[in-house]
């Protein structure tokens, strides 16, 4: 894996995070590979409906754990429900769309991470899987095997591509801090111990066989934990990152000083096209770098640029604009 790292995880370039507007996966793939040629990703299209949502898509990746949509939520089942079969079909179509790209450079796949999935996938007996440490362990193992197969299927369609995989973990900080509500909404699930989170994510990292990126748009993204768990790049919302929070800045600085790579979310995922977005995005990254006191020439060797989160809610015109702004911001990092 170490030999592929520079190719699979480029720096000083623009990339994306995950979701886009629309329902046509072939068109979305063409747009991403055209607008973000130096580090494209397989986009997610949740506007296609149930099964294309983040949790349904993640559940479709589970090996040996059937799911169904029941009572307005995804839950473990004896056999896959019709909506789970639809999710698997969406995933297969997404992978097939990659075949036409003839990619020979870096390409990133995306999937929901084990703790965000555990917080949103229900047990048959009730309550989220997050309530049961044994269920979380089973879920992580199932996801690890499913992601290994997912990577292999993508590689078969793009034999020359240098793959990485991104886990989306927006719920991880809340799980670590016991801030996830129980089914009643009147209480919270127990705190997930740091060492348990680290071990479960490391299990996934070791299984997939390609470099791991973890995306967390929460302001308190646990970059130190993610580094220890095997993430070789983290993707965070840098606009929500408090540059005056010394412990948090120090944690990110320690991660970067150890050679970690950063996908800096600095371009808004929603809005209207307007001048100056690329400059403001680059300025935010330079402000972080100045606060850390790192050498300017090190910046493009460790940082890439993206939107802060996915763009499923954006207009198609704005989505293209945001990708262009990300490219221009990345150019500004080179001086």
C-alpha atoms as a PDB file:
ATOM      1  CA  UNK A   1       0.000   0.000   0.000  1.00  0.00           C
ATOM      2  CA  UNK A   2       2.812   2.433   0.813  1.00  0.00           C
ATOM      3  CA  UNK A   3       4.133   2.342  -2.749  1.00  0.00           C
ATOM      4  CA  UNK A   4       0.735   3.341  -4.129  1.00  0.00           C
ATOM      5  CA  UNK A   5       0.147   6.111  -1.595  1.00  0.00           C
ATOM      6  CA  UNK A   6       1.582   9.060  -3.591  1.00  0.00           C
ATOM      7  CA  UNK A   7      -0.478   8.042  -6.625  1.00  0.00           C
ATOM      8  CA  UNK A   8      -3.708   7.137  -4.850  1.00  0.00           C
ATOM      9  CA  UNK A   9      -3.701  10.179  -2.536  1.00  0.00           C
ATOM     10  CA  UNK A  10      -2.547  13.157  -4.601  1.00  0.00           C
ATOM     11  CA  UNK A  11      -2.006  16.551  -2.990  1.00  0.00           C
ATOM     12  CA  UNK A  12      -2.183  20.140  -4.159  1.00  0.00           C
ATOM     13  CA  UNK A  13      -5.224  19.301  -6.297  1.00  0.00           C
ATOM     14  CA  UNK A  14      -9.007  19.674  -6.231  1.00  0.00           C
ATOM     15  CA  UNK A  15     -11.313  16.792  -5.413  1.00  0.00           C
ATOM     16  CA  UNK A  16     -14.880  16.198  -4.260  1.00  0.00           C
ATOM     17  CA  UNK A  17     -16.560  14.803  -1.172  1.00  0.00           C
ATOM     18  CA  UNK A  18     -19.465  12.603  -2.207  1.00  0.00           C
ATOM     19  CA  UNK A  19     -22.944  13.536  -3.316  1.00  0.00           C
ATOM     20  CA  UNK A  20     -24.131  15.509  -6.331  1.00  0.00           C
ATOM     21  CA  UNK A  21     -27.554  16.648  -7.549  1.00  0.00           C
ATOM     22  CA  UNK A  22     -29.365  14.653 -10.211  1.00  0.00           C
ATOM     23  CA  UNK A  23     -30.300  11.052 -10.860  1.00  0.00           C
ATOM     24  CA  UNK A  24     -28.175  10.039 -13.877  1.00  0.00           C
ATOM     25  CA  UNK A  25     -25.037   8.295 -12.647  1.00  0.00           C
ATOM     26  CA  UNK A  26     -23.353   8.178 -16.073  1.00  0.00           C
ATOM     27  CA  UNK A  27     -23.745  11.946 -16.415  1.00  0.00           C
ATOM     28  CA  UNK A  28     -22.553  12.554 -12.841  1.00  0.00           C
ATOM     29  CA  UNK A  29     -19.442  10.431 -13.359  1.00  0.00           C
ATOM     30  CA  UNK A  30     -18.661  12.287 -16.600  1.00  0.00           C
ATOM     31  CA  UNK A  31     -18.988  15.632 -14.808  1.00  0.00           C
ATOM     32  CA  UNK A  32     -16.760  14.630 -11.887  1.00  0.00           C
ATOM     33  CA  UNK A  33     -14.061  13.094 -14.054  1.00  0.00           C
ATOM     34  CA  UNK A  34     -14.178  16.151 -16.319  1.00  0.00           C
ATOM     35  CA  UNK A  35     -14.234  18.845 -13.631  1.00  0.00           C
ATOM     36  CA  UNK A  36     -11.925  17.149 -11.106  1.00  0.00           C
ATOM     37  CA  UNK A  37      -9.526  15.261 -13.383  1.00  0.00           C
ATOM     38  CA  UNK A  38      -6.598  15.130 -10.951  1.00  0.00           C
ATOM     39  CA  UNK A  39      -8.562  13.327  -8.228  1.00  0.00           C
ATOM     40  CA  UNK A  40     -12.090  12.295  -9.239  1.00  0.00           C
ATOM     41  CA  UNK A  41     -14.430  10.265  -7.056  1.00  0.00           C
ATOM     42  CA  UNK A  42     -17.438   8.041  -7.606  1.00  0.00           C
ATOM     43  CA  UNK A  43     -20.328  10.431  -6.860  1.00  0.00           C
ATOM     44  CA  UNK A  44     -23.389   9.508  -4.829  1.00  0.00           C
ATOM     45  CA  UNK A  45     -26.846  10.527  -6.089  1.00  0.00           C
ATOM     46  CA  UNK A  46     -29.282  10.413  -3.140  1.00  0.00           C
ATOM     47  CA  UNK A  47     -31.952  12.213  -5.197  1.00  0.00           C
ATOM     48  CA  UNK A  48     -32.636   8.878  -6.880  1.00  0.00           C
ATOM     49  CA  UNK A  49     -34.624   7.976  -3.784  1.00  0.00           C
ATOM     50  CA  UNK A  50     -34.671   5.294  -1.142  1.00  0.00           C
ATOM     51  CA  UNK A  51     -31.670   3.023  -1.484  1.00  0.00           C
ATOM     52  CA  UNK A  52     -29.480   5.794  -2.853  1.00  0.00           C
ATOM     53  CA  UNK A  53     -29.415   7.522   0.548  1.00  0.00           C
ATOM     54  CA  UNK A  54     -26.217   7.288   2.587  1.00  0.00           C
ATOM     55  CA  UNK A  55     -27.480   4.620   5.015  1.00  0.00           C
ATOM     56  CA  UNK A  56     -29.235   2.516   2.384  1.00  0.00           C
ATOM     57  CA  UNK A  57     -26.171   2.631   0.169  1.00  0.00           C
ATOM     58  CA  UNK A  58     -23.953   1.638   3.097  1.00  0.00           C
ATOM     59  CA  UNK A  59     -26.284  -1.165   4.124  1.00  0.00           C
ATOM     60  CA  UNK A  60     -26.090  -2.529   0.573  1.00  0.00           C
ATOM     61  CA  UNK A  61     -22.355  -3.015   1.130  1.00  0.00           C
ATOM     62  CA  UNK A  62     -22.779  -5.211   4.197  1.00  0.00           C
ATOM     63  CA  UNK A  63     -21.667  -8.812   3.727  1.00  0.00           C
ATOM     64  CA  UNK A  64     -24.006 -11.356   5.321  1.00  0.00           C
ATOM     65  CA  UNK A  65     -26.221  -8.805   7.095  1.00  0.00           C
ATOM     66  CA  UNK A  66     -29.516  -8.399   5.182  1.00  0.00           C
ATOM     67  CA  UNK A  67     -31.502  -5.195   5.733  1.00  0.00           C
ATOM     68  CA  UNK A  68     -34.935  -3.831   4.982  1.00  0.00           C
ATOM     69  CA  UNK A  69     -36.710  -0.471   5.110  1.00  0.00           C
ATOM     70  CA  UNK A  70     -39.353  -0.703   7.777  1.00  0.00           C
ATOM     71  CA  UNK A  71     -41.184   1.916   9.820  1.00  0.00           C
ATOM     72  CA  UNK A  72     -39.323   4.797   8.153  1.00  0.00           C
ATOM     73  CA  UNK A  73     -35.858   3.438   8.908  1.00  0.00           C
ATOM     74  CA  UNK A  74     -33.340   0.843   7.813  1.00  0.00           C
ATOM     75  CA  UNK A  75     -33.093  -2.229  10.019  1.00  0.00           C
ATOM     76  CA  UNK A  76     -31.445  -5.657  10.085  1.00  0.00           C
ATOM     77  CA  UNK A  77     -33.681  -8.348   8.582  1.00  0.00           C
ATOM     78  CA  UNK A  78     -33.785 -12.077   7.884  1.00  0.00           C
ATOM     79  CA  UNK A  79     -33.792 -11.470   4.141  1.00  0.00           C
ATOM     80  CA  UNK A  80     -33.095  -8.368   2.032  1.00  0.00           C
ATOM     81  CA  UNK A  81     -36.203  -6.260   1.477  1.00  0.00           C
ATOM     82  CA  UNK A  82     -37.209  -4.821  -1.873  1.00  0.00           C
ATOM     83  CA  UNK A  83     -35.633  -1.487  -0.966  1.00  0.00           C
ATOM     84  CA  UNK A  84     -32.361  -3.204  -0.064  1.00  0.00           C
ATOM     85  CA  UNK A  85     -32.375  -4.880  -3.464  1.00  0.00           C
ATOM     86  CA  UNK A  86     -32.914  -1.470  -5.023  1.00  0.00           C
ATOM     87  CA  UNK A  87     -29.916  -0.111  -3.083  1.00  0.00           C
ATOM     88  CA  UNK A  88     -27.747  -2.975  -4.353  1.00  0.00           C
ATOM     89  CA  UNK A  89     -28.911  -2.271  -7.903  1.00  0.00           C
ATOM     90  CA  UNK A  90     -27.997   1.420  -7.569  1.00  0.00           C
ATOM     91  CA  UNK A  91     -24.549   0.441  -6.332  1.00  0.00           C
ATOM     92  CA  UNK A  92     -24.017  -1.929  -9.248  1.00  0.00           C
ATOM     93  CA  UNK A  93     -25.021   0.786 -11.729  1.00  0.00           C
ATOM     94  CA  UNK A  94     -22.602   3.194 -10.054  1.00  0.00           C
ATOM     95  CA  UNK A  95     -19.754   0.746 -10.437  1.00  0.00           C
ATOM     96  CA  UNK A  96     -20.670   0.053 -14.056  1.00  0.00           C
ATOM     97  CA  UNK A  97     -20.486   3.785 -14.801  1.00  0.00           C
ATOM     98  CA  UNK A  98     -16.802   3.694 -13.840  1.00  0.00           C
ATOM     99  CA  UNK A  99     -16.038   1.273 -16.641  1.00  0.00           C
ATOM    100  CA  UNK A 100     -16.454   4.015 -19.249  1.00  0.00           C
ATOM    101  CA  UNK A 101     -13.915   6.324 -17.626  1.00  0.00           C
ATOM    102  CA  UNK A 102     -10.813   4.325 -18.596  1.00  0.00           C
ATOM    103  CA  UNK A 103      -9.210   5.889 -15.519  1.00  0.00           C
ATOM    104  CA  UNK A 104      -5.471   5.469 -15.127  1.00  0.00           C
ATOM    105  CA  UNK A 105      -4.881   7.812 -12.187  1.00  0.00           C
ATOM    106  CA  UNK A 106      -6.261   8.276  -8.678  1.00  0.00           C
ATOM    107  CA  UNK A 107      -9.969   7.574  -8.094  1.00  0.00           C
ATOM    108  CA  UNK A 108     -11.704   7.636  -4.715  1.00  0.00           C
ATOM    109  CA  UNK A 109     -14.669   5.486  -3.744  1.00  0.00           C
ATOM    110  CA  UNK A 110     -17.000   6.542  -0.950  1.00  0.00           C
ATOM    111  CA  UNK A 111     -19.061   4.745   1.687  1.00  0.00           C
ATOM    112  CA  UNK A 112     -20.584   5.426   5.077  1.00  0.00           C
ATOM    113  CA  UNK A 113     -18.364   4.542   8.028  1.00  0.00           C
ATOM    114  CA  UNK A 114     -19.181   1.935  10.684  1.00  0.00           C
ATOM    115  CA  UNK A 115     -20.234   4.305  13.474  1.00  0.00           C
ATOM    116  CA  UNK A 116     -22.477   6.520  11.392  1.00  0.00           C
ATOM    117  CA  UNK A 117     -24.026   3.343   9.995  1.00  0.00           C
ATOM    118  CA  UNK A 118     -24.416   1.859  13.486  1.00  0.00           C
ATOM    119  CA  UNK A 119     -26.136   5.034  14.686  1.00  0.00           C
ATOM    120  CA  UNK A 120     -28.710   4.873  11.896  1.00  0.00           C
ATOM    121  CA  UNK A 121     -29.283   1.146  11.321  1.00  0.00           C
ATOM    122  CA  UNK A 122     -31.747  -0.502  13.679  1.00  0.00           C
ATOM    123  CA  UNK A 123     -31.632  -3.935  15.315  1.00  0.00           C
ATOM    124  CA  UNK A 124     -34.593  -6.271  14.909  1.00  0.00           C
ATOM    125  CA  UNK A 125     -35.176  -6.009  18.661  1.00  0.00           C
ATOM    126  CA  UNK A 126     -35.325  -2.217  18.484  1.00  0.00           C
ATOM    127  CA  UNK A 127     -32.872   0.585  18.925  1.00  0.00           C
ATOM    128  CA  UNK A 128     -29.837   1.463  16.865  1.00  0.00           C
ATOM    129  CA  UNK A 129     -27.017  -1.052  16.509  1.00  0.00           C
ATOM    130  CA  UNK A 130     -24.874   1.491  18.327  1.00  0.00           C
ATOM    131  CA  UNK A 131     -26.547   0.380  21.576  1.00  0.00           C
ATOM    132  CA  UNK A 132     -24.821  -3.017  21.438  1.00  0.00           C
ATOM    133  CA  UNK A 133     -20.996  -3.151  21.262  1.00  0.00           C
ATOM    134  CA  UNK A 134     -21.191  -6.714  19.943  1.00  0.00           C
ATOM    135  CA  UNK A 135     -23.549  -5.602  17.173  1.00  0.00           C
ATOM    136  CA  UNK A 136     -21.175  -2.759  16.281  1.00  0.00           C
ATOM    137  CA  UNK A 137     -18.293  -5.233  16.052  1.00  0.00           C
ATOM    138  CA  UNK A 138     -20.349  -7.511  13.776  1.00  0.00           C
ATOM    139  CA  UNK A 139     -21.357  -4.526  11.667  1.00  0.00           C
ATOM    140  CA  UNK A 140     -17.758  -3.335  11.283  1.00  0.00           C
ATOM    141  CA  UNK A 141     -16.630  -6.806  10.217  1.00  0.00           C
ATOM    142  CA  UNK A 142     -19.467  -7.085   7.722  1.00  0.00           C
ATOM    143  CA  UNK A 143     -18.751  -3.637   6.333  1.00  0.00           C
ATOM    144  CA  UNK A 144     -15.033  -4.375   6.082  1.00  0.00           C
ATOM    145  CA  UNK A 145     -15.714  -7.480   3.982  1.00  0.00           C
ATOM    146  CA  UNK A 146     -18.266  -5.650   1.855  1.00  0.00           C
ATOM    147  CA  UNK A 147     -15.886  -2.775   1.206  1.00  0.00           C
ATOM    148  CA  UNK A 148     -13.130  -5.194   0.238  1.00  0.00           C
ATOM    149  CA  UNK A 149     -15.477  -6.623  -2.399  1.00  0.00           C
ATOM    150  CA  UNK A 150     -16.537  -3.101  -3.424  1.00  0.00           C
ATOM    151  CA  UNK A 151     -12.926  -2.078  -4.030  1.00  0.00           C
ATOM    152  CA  UNK A 152     -12.270  -5.268  -5.999  1.00  0.00           C
ATOM    153  CA  UNK A 153     -15.343  -4.667  -8.161  1.00  0.00           C
ATOM    154  CA  UNK A 154     -14.255  -1.084  -8.881  1.00  0.00           C
ATOM    155  CA  UNK A 155     -10.713  -2.166  -9.654  1.00  0.00           C
ATOM    156  CA  UNK A 156     -12.017  -4.756 -12.121  1.00  0.00           C
ATOM    157  CA  UNK A 157     -13.803  -1.968 -13.993  1.00  0.00           C
ATOM    158  CA  UNK A 158     -10.781   0.366 -13.834  1.00  0.00           C
ATOM    159  CA  UNK A 159      -7.702  -1.886 -13.882  1.00  0.00           C
ATOM    160  CA  UNK A 160      -5.274   1.022 -14.255  1.00  0.00           C
ATOM    161  CA  UNK A 161      -6.770   3.265 -11.565  1.00  0.00           C
ATOM    162  CA  UNK A 162      -5.058   3.932  -8.220  1.00  0.00           C
ATOM    163  CA  UNK A 163      -7.943   3.545  -5.801  1.00  0.00           C
ATOM    164  CA  UNK A 164      -8.573   4.921  -2.353  1.00  0.00           C
ATOM    165  CA  UNK A 165     -11.719   4.706  -0.282  1.00  0.00           C
ATOM    166  CA  UNK A 166     -13.414   7.389   1.796  1.00  0.00           C
ATOM    167  CA  UNK A 167     -15.479   6.586   4.873  1.00  0.00           C
ATOM    168  CA  UNK A 168     -18.069   9.219   5.769  1.00  0.00           C
ATOM    169  CA  UNK A 169     -18.314   9.514   9.557  1.00  0.00           C
ATOM    170  CA  UNK A 170     -20.422  12.576  10.426  1.00  0.00           C
ATOM    171  CA  UNK A 171     -21.802  10.814  13.529  1.00  0.00           C
ATOM    172  CA  UNK A 172     -18.473   9.645  14.953  1.00  0.00           C
ATOM    173  CA  UNK A 173     -17.807  12.669  17.223  1.00  0.00           C
ATOM    174  CA  UNK A 174     -21.346  12.433  18.632  1.00  0.00           C
ATOM    175  CA  UNK A 175     -20.903   8.696  19.257  1.00  0.00           C
ATOM    176  CA  UNK A 176     -17.632   9.371  21.108  1.00  0.00           C
ATOM    177  CA  UNK A 177     -19.321  12.035  23.250  1.00  0.00           C
ATOM    178  CA  UNK A 178     -22.617  10.187  23.985  1.00  0.00           C
ATOM    179  CA  UNK A 179     -24.641  12.735  22.015  1.00  0.00           C
ATOM    180  CA  UNK A 180     -26.686  10.332  19.875  1.00  0.00           C
ATOM    181  CA  UNK A 181     -30.321  10.091  20.913  1.00  0.00           C
ATOM    182  CA  UNK A 182     -32.010   6.805  21.686  1.00  0.00           C
ATOM    183  CA  UNK A 183     -35.214   5.797  19.888  1.00  0.00           C
ATOM    184  CA  UNK A 184     -37.390   7.653  22.395  1.00  0.00           C
ATOM    185  CA  UNK A 185     -35.416  10.858  21.961  1.00  0.00           C
ATOM    186  CA  UNK A 186     -35.338  11.221  25.746  1.00  0.00           C
ATOM    187  CA  UNK A 187     -31.915   9.718  26.387  1.00  0.00           C
ATOM    188  CA  UNK A 188     -28.566   9.097  24.724  1.00  0.00           C
ATOM    189  CA  UNK A 189     -26.660   5.978  23.818  1.00  0.00           C
ATOM    190  CA  UNK A 190     -23.603   5.237  25.901  1.00  0.00           C
ATOM    191  CA  UNK A 191     -20.330   6.797  24.845  1.00  0.00           C
ATOM    192  CA  UNK A 192     -18.271   4.743  22.420  1.00  0.00           C
ATOM    193  CA  UNK A 193     -14.795   4.346  23.969  1.00  0.00           C
ATOM    194  CA  UNK A 194     -11.995   5.853  21.900  1.00  0.00           C
ATOM    195  CA  UNK A 195     -10.131   2.551  21.760  1.00  0.00           C
ATOM    196  CA  UNK A 196     -13.228   0.761  20.418  1.00  0.00           C
ATOM    197  CA  UNK A 197     -13.733   3.363  17.687  1.00  0.00           C
ATOM    198  CA  UNK A 198     -10.061   3.145  16.788  1.00  0.00           C
ATOM    199  CA  UNK A 199     -10.116  -0.647  16.577  1.00  0.00           C
ATOM    200  CA  UNK A 200     -13.287  -0.852  14.506  1.00  0.00           C
ATOM    201  CA  UNK A 201     -12.061   1.717  11.966  1.00  0.00           C
ATOM    202  CA  UNK A 202      -8.640   0.062  11.870  1.00  0.00           C
ATOM    203  CA  UNK A 203     -10.341  -3.228  11.029  1.00  0.00           C
ATOM    204  CA  UNK A 204     -11.919  -1.589   8.002  1.00  0.00           C
ATOM    205  CA  UNK A 205      -8.666   0.136   7.032  1.00  0.00           C
ATOM    206  CA  UNK A 206      -6.770  -3.151   7.080  1.00  0.00           C
ATOM    207  CA  UNK A 207      -9.433  -4.997   5.106  1.00  0.00           C
ATOM    208  CA  UNK A 208      -9.905  -2.689   2.136  1.00  0.00           C
ATOM    209  CA  UNK A 209      -6.364  -2.998   0.787  1.00  0.00           C
ATOM    210  CA  UNK A 210      -6.208   0.591  -0.497  1.00  0.00           C
ATOM    211  CA  UNK A 211      -5.428   3.910   1.246  1.00  0.00           C
ATOM    212  CA  UNK A 212      -8.194   5.068   3.588  1.00  0.00           C
ATOM    213  CA  UNK A 213      -9.627   8.580   3.756  1.00  0.00           C
ATOM    214  CA  UNK A 214     -12.102   9.510   6.496  1.00  0.00           C
ATOM    215  CA  UNK A 215     -14.471  12.424   5.958  1.00  0.00           C
ATOM    216  CA  UNK A 216     -16.030  14.087   8.994  1.00  0.00           C
ATOM    217  CA  UNK A 217     -17.669  17.482   8.616  1.00  0.00           C
ATOM    218  CA  UNK A 218     -18.324  17.892  12.363  1.00  0.00           C
ATOM    219  CA  UNK A 219     -16.266  20.697  13.969  1.00  0.00           C
ATOM    220  CA  UNK A 220     -14.756  18.232  16.461  1.00  0.00           C
ATOM    221  CA  UNK A 221     -13.525  15.639  13.961  1.00  0.00           C
ATOM    222  CA  UNK A 222     -11.155  13.349  15.940  1.00  0.00           C
ATOM    223  CA  UNK A 223      -8.111  13.531  13.660  1.00  0.00           C
ATOM    224  CA  UNK A 224      -5.777  11.938  16.201  1.00  0.00           C
ATOM    225  CA  UNK A 225      -8.007   8.906  16.595  1.00  0.00           C
ATOM    226  CA  UNK A 226      -8.361   8.603  12.826  1.00  0.00           C
ATOM    227  CA  UNK A 227      -4.594   8.692  12.371  1.00  0.00           C
ATOM    228  CA  UNK A 228      -4.164   5.915  14.931  1.00  0.00           C
ATOM    229  CA  UNK A 229      -6.918   3.913  13.209  1.00  0.00           C
ATOM    230  CA  UNK A 230      -5.028   3.896   9.919  1.00  0.00           C
ATOM    231  CA  UNK A 231      -6.525   6.797   7.994  1.00  0.00           C
ATOM    232  CA  UNK A 232      -3.895   8.162   5.607  1.00  0.00           C
ATOM    233  CA  UNK A 233      -5.927  11.264   4.819  1.00  0.00           C
ATOM    234  CA  UNK A 234      -8.691  13.122   6.622  1.00  0.00           C
ATOM    235  CA  UNK A 235     -11.346  15.269   4.991  1.00  0.00           C
ATOM    236  CA  UNK A 236     -12.747  17.984   7.256  1.00  0.00           C
ATOM    237  CA  UNK A 237     -14.828  21.144   7.049  1.00  0.00           C
ATOM    238  CA  UNK A 238     -12.115  23.726   7.531  1.00  0.00           C
ATOM    239  CA  UNK A 239     -14.661  26.572   7.526  1.00  0.00           C
ATOM    240  CA  UNK A 240     -16.108  25.185  10.788  1.00  0.00           C
ATOM    241  CA  UNK A 241     -12.671  24.644  12.297  1.00  0.00           C
ATOM    242  CA  UNK A 242     -11.912  27.174  15.036  1.00  0.00           C
ATOM    243  CA  UNK A 243      -8.371  28.393  14.398  1.00  0.00           C
ATOM    244  CA  UNK A 244      -8.314  29.838  17.920  1.00  0.00           C
ATOM    245  CA  UNK A 245      -9.015  26.455  19.519  1.00  0.00           C
ATOM    246  CA  UNK A 246      -5.433  25.640  20.474  1.00  0.00           C
ATOM    247  CA  UNK A 247      -5.907  21.958  21.445  1.00  0.00           C
ATOM    248  CA  UNK A 248      -7.785  21.239  18.221  1.00  0.00           C
ATOM    249  CA  UNK A 249      -5.280  23.109  16.058  1.00  0.00           C
ATOM    250  CA  UNK A 250      -2.439  21.315  17.826  1.00  0.00           C
ATOM    251  CA  UNK A 251      -4.085  17.929  17.173  1.00  0.00           C
ATOM    252  CA  UNK A 252      -4.397  18.689  13.476  1.00  0.00           C
ATOM    253  CA  UNK A 253      -0.832  20.007  13.428  1.00  0.00           C
ATOM    254  CA  UNK A 254       0.451  16.817  15.063  1.00  0.00           C
ATOM    255  CA  UNK A 255      -1.396  14.754  12.451  1.00  0.00           C
ATOM    256  CA  UNK A 256       0.087  16.780   9.588  1.00  0.00           C
ATOM    257  CA  UNK A 257       3.544  16.878  11.136  1.00  0.00           C
ATOM    258  CA  UNK A 258       3.443  13.083  11.159  1.00  0.00           C
ATOM    259  CA  UNK A 259       2.930  13.056   7.388  1.00  0.00           C
ATOM    260  CA  UNK A 260      -0.874  12.895   7.294  1.00  0.00           C
ATOM    261  CA  UNK A 261      -2.743  14.286   4.330  1.00  0.00           C
ATOM    262  CA  UNK A 262      -5.624  16.731   4.501  1.00  0.00           C
ATOM    263  CA  UNK A 263      -8.565  17.269   2.184  1.00  0.00           C
ATOM    264  CA  UNK A 264      -9.534  20.776   3.223  1.00  0.00           C
ATOM    265  CA  UNK A 265     -13.246  21.468   2.869  1.00  0.00           C
ATOM    266  CA  UNK A 266     -13.267  25.174   2.112  1.00  0.00           C
ATOM    267  CA  UNK A 267     -15.745  25.684  -0.750  1.00  0.00           C
ATOM    268  CA  UNK A 268     -19.449  26.029   0.200  1.00  0.00           C
ATOM    269  CA  UNK A 269     -21.542  23.065  -1.021  1.00  0.00           C
ATOM    270  CA  UNK A 270     -24.642  25.235  -1.582  1.00  0.00           C
ATOM    271  CA  UNK A 271     -25.296  28.735  -2.852  1.00  0.00           C
ATOM    272  CA  UNK A 272     -25.048  30.816  -5.978  1.00  0.00           C
ATOM    273  CA  UNK A 273     -21.984  31.262  -8.180  1.00  0.00           C
ATOM    274  CA  UNK A 274     -20.160  34.423  -7.169  1.00  0.00           C
ATOM    275  CA  UNK A 275     -16.701  35.920  -7.520  1.00  0.00           C
ATOM    276  CA  UNK A 276     -14.044  35.388  -4.880  1.00  0.00           C
ATOM    277  CA  UNK A 277     -15.012  31.918  -3.638  1.00  0.00           C
ATOM    278  CA  UNK A 278     -11.717  30.397  -4.759  1.00  0.00           C
ATOM    279  CA  UNK A 279      -9.662  33.154  -3.086  1.00  0.00           C
ATOM    280  CA  UNK A 280     -11.571  32.880   0.197  1.00  0.00           C
ATOM    281  CA  UNK A 281     -11.106  29.102   0.125  1.00  0.00           C
ATOM    282  CA  UNK A 282      -7.348  29.339  -0.436  1.00  0.00           C
ATOM    283  CA  UNK A 283      -7.035  32.074   2.188  1.00  0.00           C
ATOM    284  CA  UNK A 284      -8.646  29.798   4.774  1.00  0.00           C
ATOM    285  CA  UNK A 285      -6.072  27.089   4.094  1.00  0.00           C
ATOM    286  CA  UNK A 286      -3.193  29.573   4.208  1.00  0.00           C
ATOM    287  CA  UNK A 287      -4.536  30.886   7.536  1.00  0.00           C
ATOM    288  CA  UNK A 288      -4.416  27.382   9.005  1.00  0.00           C
ATOM    289  CA  UNK A 289      -0.918  26.821   7.639  1.00  0.00           C
ATOM    290  CA  UNK A 290       0.263  30.104   9.107  1.00  0.00           C
ATOM    291  CA  UNK A 291      -1.244  29.238  12.471  1.00  0.00           C
ATOM    292  CA  UNK A 292       0.560  25.890  12.427  1.00  0.00           C
ATOM    293  CA  UNK A 293       3.839  27.544  11.477  1.00  0.00           C
ATOM    294  CA  UNK A 294       4.653  25.007   8.786  1.00  0.00           C
ATOM    295  CA  UNK A 295       6.877  25.739   5.795  1.00  0.00           C
ATOM    296  CA  UNK A 296       4.859  27.136   2.844  1.00  0.00           C
ATOM    297  CA  UNK A 297       6.376  24.655   0.393  1.00  0.00           C
ATOM    298  CA  UNK A 298       5.037  21.789   2.521  1.00  0.00           C
ATOM    299  CA  UNK A 299       1.449  22.885   1.897  1.00  0.00           C
ATOM    300  CA  UNK A 300       0.974  21.451  -1.595  1.00  0.00           C
ATOM    301  CA  UNK A 301       2.639  18.203  -0.511  1.00  0.00           C
ATOM    302  CA  UNK A 302      -0.033  17.513   2.101  1.00  0.00           C
ATOM    303  CA  UNK A 303      -3.247  19.384   1.285  1.00  0.00           C
ATOM    304  CA  UNK A 304      -5.953  19.077  -1.354  1.00  0.00           C
ATOM    305  CA  UNK A 305      -9.125  21.154  -1.760  1.00  0.00           C
ATOM    306  CA  UNK A 306     -12.819  20.249  -1.777  1.00  0.00           C
ATOM    307  CA  UNK A 307     -16.265  21.467  -0.839  1.00  0.00           C
ATOM    308  CA  UNK A 308     -17.070  21.218   2.856  1.00  0.00           C
ATOM    309  CA  UNK A 309     -19.695  18.495   2.333  1.00  0.00           C
ATOM    310  CA  UNK A 310     -21.661  16.807  -0.421  1.00  0.00           C
ATOM    311  CA  UNK A 311     -23.713  18.776  -2.925  1.00  0.00           C
ATOM    312  CA  UNK A 312     -26.927  16.755  -3.314  1.00  0.00           C
ATOM    313  CA  UNK A 313     -28.949  19.870  -2.471  1.00  0.00           C
ATOM    314  CA  UNK A 314     -27.142  22.190  -4.879  1.00  0.00           C
ATOM    315  CA  UNK A 315     -28.271  23.194  -8.342  1.00  0.00           C
ATOM    316  CA  UNK A 316     -26.390  21.534 -11.206  1.00  0.00           C
ATOM    317  CA  UNK A 317     -24.943  24.916 -12.200  1.00  0.00           C
ATOM    318  CA  UNK A 318     -23.684  25.593  -8.703  1.00  0.00           C
ATOM    319  CA  UNK A 319     -22.197  22.102  -8.388  1.00  0.00           C
ATOM    320  CA  UNK A 320     -20.097  22.738 -11.500  1.00  0.00           C
ATOM    321  CA  UNK A 321     -19.150  26.169 -10.173  1.00  0.00           C
ATOM    322  CA  UNK A 322     -18.064  24.692  -6.816  1.00  0.00           C
ATOM    323  CA  UNK A 323     -15.839  22.161  -8.558  1.00  0.00           C
ATOM    324  CA  UNK A 324     -14.304  24.921 -10.674  1.00  0.00           C
ATOM    325  CA  UNK A 325     -13.775  27.049  -7.554  1.00  0.00           C
ATOM    326  CA  UNK A 326     -12.063  24.089  -5.882  1.00  0.00           C
ATOM    327  CA  UNK A 327      -9.709  23.773  -8.857  1.00  0.00           C
ATOM    328  CA  UNK A 328      -8.868  27.477  -8.782  1.00  0.00           C
ATOM    329  CA  UNK A 329      -8.320  27.398  -5.012  1.00  0.00           C
ATOM    330  CA  UNK A 330      -5.951  24.450  -5.431  1.00  0.00           C
ATOM    331  CA  UNK A 331      -3.970  26.444  -8.021  1.00  0.00           C
ATOM    332  CA  UNK A 332      -3.636  29.281  -5.513  1.00  0.00           C
ATOM    333  CA  UNK A 333      -1.941  26.916  -3.071  1.00  0.00           C
ATOM    334  CA  UNK A 334       0.941  26.579  -5.501  1.00  0.00           C
ATOM    335  CA  UNK A 335       1.739  30.288  -5.217  1.00  0.00           C
END
